Amino acid sequence: MESDGKLYPLEIKKTTMPDKRLVRTFSVIDKSPLQLGTGAVLCMADTLGAFDRDHLIVPIWLI
């Protein structure tokens, strides 16, 4: 997603416990002239969580 000159990478997975290695693919955006924003993995998790301060775990039911 793009907003305010930033790219916010998203990954969608069916799992309830996504692996942190999924966010490695977000580094492809480093080649873009736009700044990288907070990334998120949309998944079947029960609650909102985070891998770290820049990568969220977002339950699909929240959207």
PDB file of N, CA and C in Angstrom:
ATOM      1  N   MET A   1       0.839  -1.158   0.000  1.00  0.00           N
ATOM      2  CA  MET A   1       0.000   0.000   0.000  1.00  0.00           C
ATOM      3  C   MET A   1       0.895   1.235   0.000  1.00  0.00           C
ATOM      4  N   GLU A   2       0.419   2.281  -0.637  1.00  0.00           N
ATOM      5  CA  GLU A   2       1.156   3.533  -0.656  1.00  0.00           C
ATOM      6  C   GLU A   2       0.309   4.636  -0.026  1.00  0.00           C
ATOM      7  N   SER A   3       0.954   5.457   0.798  1.00  0.00           N
ATOM      8  CA  SER A   3       0.274   6.595   1.414  1.00  0.00           C
ATOM      9  C   SER A   3       1.309   7.602   1.879  1.00  0.00           C
ATOM     10  N   ASP A   4       1.076   8.855   1.589  1.00  0.00           N
ATOM     11  CA  ASP A   4       1.942   9.943   2.047  1.00  0.00           C
ATOM     12  C   ASP A   4       3.412   9.729   1.696  1.00  0.00           C
ATOM     13  N   GLY A   5       3.687   9.218   0.514  1.00  0.00           N
ATOM     14  CA  GLY A   5       5.067   9.029   0.072  1.00  0.00           C
ATOM     15  C   GLY A   5       5.780   7.851   0.693  1.00  0.00           C
ATOM     16  N   LYS A   6       5.035   6.970   1.348  1.00  0.00           N
ATOM     17  CA  LYS A   6       5.619   5.766   1.954  1.00  0.00           C
ATOM     18  C   LYS A   6       4.948   4.528   1.376  1.00  0.00           C
ATOM     19  N   LEU A   7       5.718   3.442   1.325  1.00  0.00           N
ATOM     20  CA  LEU A   7       5.165   2.144   0.941  1.00  0.00           C
ATOM     21  C   LEU A   7       5.036   1.289   2.198  1.00  0.00           C
ATOM     22  N   TYR A   8       3.864   0.703   2.372  1.00  0.00           N
ATOM     23  CA  TYR A   8       3.579  -0.159   3.518  1.00  0.00           C
ATOM     24  C   TYR A   8       3.377  -1.581   2.992  1.00  0.00           C
ATOM     25  N   PRO A   9       4.404  -2.428   3.119  1.00  0.00           N
ATOM     26  CA  PRO A   9       4.301  -3.776   2.558  1.00  0.00           C
ATOM     27  C   PRO A   9       3.336  -4.659   3.342  1.00  0.00           C
ATOM     28  N   LEU A  10       2.607  -5.482   2.600  1.00  0.00           N
ATOM     29  CA  LEU A  10       1.664  -6.432   3.195  1.00  0.00           C
ATOM     30  C   LEU A  10       1.912  -7.824   2.643  1.00  0.00           C
ATOM     31  N   GLU A  11       1.741  -8.802   3.486  1.00  0.00           N
ATOM     32  CA  GLU A  11       1.811 -10.208   3.091  1.00  0.00           C
ATOM     33  C   GLU A  11       0.550 -10.846   3.649  1.00  0.00           C
ATOM     34  N   ILE A  12      -0.102 -11.683   2.875  1.00  0.00           N
ATOM     35  CA  ILE A  12      -1.325 -12.350   3.321  1.00  0.00           C
ATOM     36  C   ILE A  12      -1.067 -13.846   3.386  1.00  0.00           C
ATOM     37  N   LYS A  13      -1.320 -14.428   4.557  1.00  0.00           N
ATOM     38  CA  LYS A  13      -1.091 -15.854   4.764  1.00  0.00           C
ATOM     39  C   LYS A  13      -2.281 -16.476   5.491  1.00  0.00           C
ATOM     40  N   LYS A  14      -2.501 -17.748   5.259  1.00  0.00           N
ATOM     41  CA  LYS A  14      -3.619 -18.458   5.874  1.00  0.00           C
ATOM     42  C   LYS A  14      -3.285 -18.967   7.280  1.00  0.00           C
ATOM     43  N   THR A  15      -2.041 -18.955   7.652  1.00  0.00           N
ATOM     44  CA  THR A  15      -1.599 -19.495   8.935  1.00  0.00           C
ATOM     45  C   THR A  15      -2.094 -18.673  10.128  1.00  0.00           C
ATOM     46  N   THR A  16      -2.132 -19.292  11.302  1.00  0.00           N
ATOM     47  CA  THR A  16      -2.469 -18.570  12.527  1.00  0.00           C
ATOM     48  C   THR A  16      -1.217 -18.066  13.233  1.00  0.00           C
ATOM     49  N   MET A  17      -0.060 -18.647  12.900  1.00  0.00           N
ATOM     50  CA  MET A  17       1.216 -18.245  13.511  1.00  0.00           C
ATOM     51  C   MET A  17       2.251 -18.022  12.411  1.00  0.00           C
ATOM     52  N   PRO A  18       2.283 -16.830  11.816  1.00  0.00           N
ATOM     53  CA  PRO A  18       3.224 -16.582  10.735  1.00  0.00           C
ATOM     54  C   PRO A  18       4.676 -16.562  11.224  1.00  0.00           C
ATOM     55  N   ASP A  19       5.564 -16.957  10.347  1.00  0.00           N
ATOM     56  CA  ASP A  19       6.991 -16.990  10.632  1.00  0.00           C
ATOM     57  C   ASP A  19       7.595 -15.624  10.316  1.00  0.00           C
ATOM     58  N   LYS A  20       8.479 -15.142  11.164  1.00  0.00           N
ATOM     59  CA  LYS A  20       9.099 -13.830  10.973  1.00  0.00           C
ATOM     60  C   LYS A  20       9.863 -13.744   9.655  1.00  0.00           C
ATOM     61  N   ARG A  21      10.305 -14.865   9.136  1.00  0.00           N
ATOM     62  CA  ARG A  21      11.057 -14.853   7.866  1.00  0.00           C
ATOM     63  C   ARG A  21      10.226 -14.290   6.716  1.00  0.00           C
ATOM     64  N   LEU A  22       8.910 -14.271   6.853  1.00  0.00           N
ATOM     65  CA  LEU A  22       8.039 -13.719   5.805  1.00  0.00           C
ATOM     66  C   LEU A  22       8.336 -12.252   5.523  1.00  0.00           C
ATOM     67  N   VAL A  23       8.725 -11.499   6.523  1.00  0.00           N
ATOM     68  CA  VAL A  23       8.940 -10.063   6.324  1.00  0.00           C
ATOM     69  C   VAL A  23      10.261  -9.764   5.621  1.00  0.00           C
ATOM     70  N   ARG A  24      11.106 -10.753   5.427  1.00  0.00           N
ATOM     71  CA  ARG A  24      12.350 -10.541   4.674  1.00  0.00           C
ATOM     72  C   ARG A  24      12.065 -10.057   3.259  1.00  0.00           C
ATOM     73  N   THR A  25      10.980 -10.500   2.685  1.00  0.00           N
ATOM     74  CA  THR A  25      10.650 -10.098   1.316  1.00  0.00           C
ATOM     75  C   THR A  25      10.347  -8.609   1.215  1.00  0.00           C
ATOM     76  N   PHE A  26      10.041  -7.966   2.329  1.00  0.00           N
ATOM     77  CA  PHE A  26       9.751  -6.532   2.321  1.00  0.00           C
ATOM     78  C   PHE A  26      10.982  -5.710   1.942  1.00  0.00           C
ATOM     79  N   SER A  27      12.170  -6.276   2.078  1.00  0.00           N
ATOM     80  CA  SER A  27      13.395  -5.543   1.765  1.00  0.00           C
ATOM     81  C   SER A  27      13.504  -5.191   0.284  1.00  0.00           C
ATOM     82  N   VAL A  28      12.731  -5.844  -0.566  1.00  0.00           N
ATOM     83  CA  VAL A  28      12.703  -5.514  -1.991  1.00  0.00           C
ATOM     84  C   VAL A  28      12.321  -4.046  -2.186  1.00  0.00           C
ATOM     85  N   ILE A  29      11.521  -3.524  -1.286  1.00  0.00           N
ATOM     86  CA  ILE A  29      11.053  -2.141  -1.380  1.00  0.00           C
ATOM     87  C   ILE A  29      12.196  -1.150  -1.134  1.00  0.00           C
ATOM     88  N   ASP A  30      13.291  -1.593  -0.540  1.00  0.00           N
ATOM     89  CA  ASP A  30      14.427  -0.706  -0.287  1.00  0.00           C
ATOM     90  C   ASP A  30      14.943  -0.063  -1.577  1.00  0.00           C
ATOM     91  N   LYS A  31      14.694  -0.693  -2.704  1.00  0.00           N
ATOM     92  CA  LYS A  31      15.145  -0.171  -3.997  1.00  0.00           C
ATOM     93  C   LYS A  31      14.221   0.924  -4.524  1.00  0.00           C
ATOM     94  N   SER A  32      13.089   1.119  -3.911  1.00  0.00           N
ATOM     95  CA  SER A  32      12.123   2.128  -4.339  1.00  0.00           C
ATOM     96  C   SER A  32      12.562   3.521  -3.874  1.00  0.00           C
ATOM     97  N   PRO A  33      12.210   4.545  -4.635  1.00  0.00           N
ATOM     98  CA  PRO A  33      12.514   5.899  -4.172  1.00  0.00           C
ATOM     99  C   PRO A  33      11.637   6.335  -2.989  1.00  0.00           C
ATOM    100  N   LEU A  34      10.567   5.600  -2.735  1.00  0.00           N
ATOM    101  CA  LEU A  34       9.680   5.922  -1.615  1.00  0.00           C
ATOM    102  C   LEU A  34      10.218   5.314  -0.324  1.00  0.00           C
ATOM    103  N   GLN A  35       9.894   5.942   0.785  1.00  0.00           N
ATOM    104  CA  GLN A  35      10.317   5.465   2.095  1.00  0.00           C
ATOM    105  C   GLN A  35       9.511   4.232   2.494  1.00  0.00           C
ATOM    106  N   LEU A  36      10.125   3.328   3.227  1.00  0.00           N
ATOM    107  CA  LEU A  36       9.461   2.124   3.709  1.00  0.00           C
ATOM    108  C   LEU A  36       8.723   2.424   5.003  1.00  0.00           C
ATOM    109  N   GLY A  37       7.423   2.098   5.043  1.00  0.00           N
ATOM    110  CA  GLY A  37       6.622   2.269   6.243  1.00  0.00           C
ATOM    111  C   GLY A  37       6.500   0.958   6.996  1.00  0.00           C
ATOM    112  N   THR A  38       5.659   0.920   7.987  1.00  0.00           N
ATOM    113  CA  THR A  38       5.425  -0.286   8.776  1.00  0.00           C
ATOM    114  C   THR A  38       4.815  -1.373   7.902  1.00  0.00           C
ATOM    115  N   GLY A  39       5.366  -2.571   7.973  1.00  0.00           N
ATOM    116  CA  GLY A  39       4.860  -3.708   7.210  1.00  0.00           C
ATOM    117  C   GLY A  39       3.937  -4.557   8.066  1.00  0.00           C
ATOM    118  N   ALA A  40       3.142  -5.384   7.408  1.00  0.00           N
ATOM    119  CA  ALA A  40       2.219  -6.240   8.155  1.00  0.00           C
ATOM    120  C   ALA A  40       1.992  -7.557   7.436  1.00  0.00           C
ATOM    121  N   VAL A  41       1.802  -8.600   8.240  1.00  0.00           N
ATOM    122  CA  VAL A  41       1.371  -9.897   7.730  1.00  0.00           C
ATOM    123  C   VAL A  41      -0.074 -10.062   8.172  1.00  0.00           C
ATOM    124  N   LEU A  42      -0.976 -10.120   7.194  1.00  0.00           N
ATOM    125  CA  LEU A  42      -2.391 -10.374   7.472  1.00  0.00           C
ATOM    126  C   LEU A  42      -2.560 -11.879   7.522  1.00  0.00           C
ATOM    127  N   CYS A  43      -3.170 -12.373   8.595  1.00  0.00           N
ATOM    128  CA  CYS A  43      -3.270 -13.819   8.756  1.00  0.00           C
ATOM    129  C   CYS A  43      -4.472 -14.192   9.628  1.00  0.00           C
ATOM    130  N   MET A  44      -4.551 -15.444   9.999  1.00  0.00           N
ATOM    131  CA  MET A  44      -5.666 -15.967  10.783  1.00  0.00           C
ATOM    132  C   MET A  44      -5.397 -15.926  12.297  1.00  0.00           C
ATOM    133  N   ALA A  45      -4.462 -15.101  12.745  1.00  0.00           N
ATOM    134  CA  ALA A  45      -4.144 -14.989  14.177  1.00  0.00           C
ATOM    135  C   ALA A  45      -5.378 -14.520  14.952  1.00  0.00           C
ATOM    136  N   ASP A  46      -5.413 -14.846  16.237  1.00  0.00           N
ATOM    137  CA  ASP A  46      -6.530 -14.454  17.092  1.00  0.00           C
ATOM    138  C   ASP A  46      -6.430 -13.004  17.559  1.00  0.00           C
ATOM    139  N   THR A  47      -5.201 -12.525  17.751  1.00  0.00           N
ATOM    140  CA  THR A  47      -5.003 -11.178  18.274  1.00  0.00           C
ATOM    141  C   THR A  47      -3.958 -10.420  17.468  1.00  0.00           C
ATOM    142  N   LEU A  48      -4.007  -9.107  17.581  1.00  0.00           N
ATOM    143  CA  LEU A  48      -3.019  -8.239  16.955  1.00  0.00           C
ATOM    144  C   LEU A  48      -1.685  -8.435  17.665  1.00  0.00           C
ATOM    145  N   GLY A  49      -0.615  -8.508  16.892  1.00  0.00           N
ATOM    146  CA  GLY A  49       0.703  -8.702  17.481  1.00  0.00           C
ATOM    147  C   GLY A  49       1.761  -8.043  16.616  1.00  0.00           C
ATOM    148  N   ALA A  50       3.011  -8.342  16.916  1.00  0.00           N
ATOM    149  CA  ALA A  50       4.113  -7.760  16.153  1.00  0.00           C
ATOM    150  C   ALA A  50       5.332  -8.665  16.222  1.00  0.00           C
ATOM    151  N   PHE A  51       6.094  -8.681  15.126  1.00  0.00           N
ATOM    152  CA  PHE A  51       7.392  -9.357  15.128  1.00  0.00           C
ATOM    153  C   PHE A  51       8.411  -8.442  15.794  1.00  0.00           C
ATOM    154  N   ASP A  52       8.288  -7.142  15.489  1.00  0.00           N
ATOM    155  CA  ASP A  52       9.129  -6.091  16.061  1.00  0.00           C
ATOM    156  C   ASP A  52       8.410  -4.766  15.821  1.00  0.00           C
ATOM    157  N   ARG A  53       9.045  -3.652  16.060  1.00  0.00           N
ATOM    158  CA  ARG A  53       8.339  -2.370  15.964  1.00  0.00           C
ATOM    159  C   ARG A  53       7.979  -1.955  14.543  1.00  0.00           C
ATOM    160  N   ASP A  54       8.573  -2.600  13.547  1.00  0.00           N
ATOM    161  CA  ASP A  54       8.309  -2.249  12.146  1.00  0.00           C
ATOM    162  C   ASP A  54       7.483  -3.277  11.383  1.00  0.00           C
ATOM    163  N   HIS A  55       7.145  -4.395  12.017  1.00  0.00           N
ATOM    164  CA  HIS A  55       6.443  -5.482  11.328  1.00  0.00           C
ATOM    165  C   HIS A  55       5.341  -6.062  12.205  1.00  0.00           C
ATOM    166  N   LEU A  56       4.110  -5.832  11.795  1.00  0.00           N
ATOM    167  CA  LEU A  56       2.953  -6.247  12.583  1.00  0.00           C
ATOM    168  C   LEU A  56       2.380  -7.592  12.128  1.00  0.00           C
ATOM    169  N   ILE A  57       1.668  -8.237  13.032  1.00  0.00           N
ATOM    170  CA  ILE A  57       0.873  -9.427  12.744  1.00  0.00           C
ATOM    171  C   ILE A  57      -0.570  -8.976  12.920  1.00  0.00           C
ATOM    172  N   VAL A  58      -1.330  -8.954  11.825  1.00  0.00           N
ATOM    173  CA  VAL A  58      -2.683  -8.405  11.862  1.00  0.00           C
ATOM    174  C   VAL A  58      -3.704  -9.501  11.542  1.00  0.00           C
ATOM    175  N   PRO A  59      -4.601  -9.791  12.466  1.00  0.00           N
ATOM    176  CA  PRO A  59      -5.654 -10.764  12.190  1.00  0.00           C
ATOM    177  C   PRO A  59      -6.546 -10.252  11.052  1.00  0.00           C
ATOM    178  N   ILE A  60      -6.866 -11.114  10.136  1.00  0.00           N
ATOM    179  CA  ILE A  60      -7.649 -10.733   8.969  1.00  0.00           C
ATOM    180  C   ILE A  60      -9.026 -10.189   9.369  1.00  0.00           C
ATOM    181  N   TRP A  61      -9.561 -10.622  10.511  1.00  0.00           N
ATOM    182  CA  TRP A  61     -10.875 -10.160  10.931  1.00  0.00           C
ATOM    183  C   TRP A  61     -10.860  -8.676  11.339  1.00  0.00           C
ATOM    184  N   LEU A  62      -9.682  -8.100  11.548  1.00  0.00           N
ATOM    185  CA  LEU A  62      -9.605  -6.684  11.898  1.00  0.00           C
ATOM    186  C   LEU A  62      -9.855  -5.762  10.700  1.00  0.00           C
ATOM    187  N   ILE A  63      -9.714  -6.307   9.504  1.00  0.00           N
ATOM    188  CA  ILE A  63      -9.940  -5.450   8.351  1.00  0.00           C
ATOM    189  C   ILE A  63     -11.319  -5.740   7.848  1.00  0.00           C
TER     190      ILE A  63
END
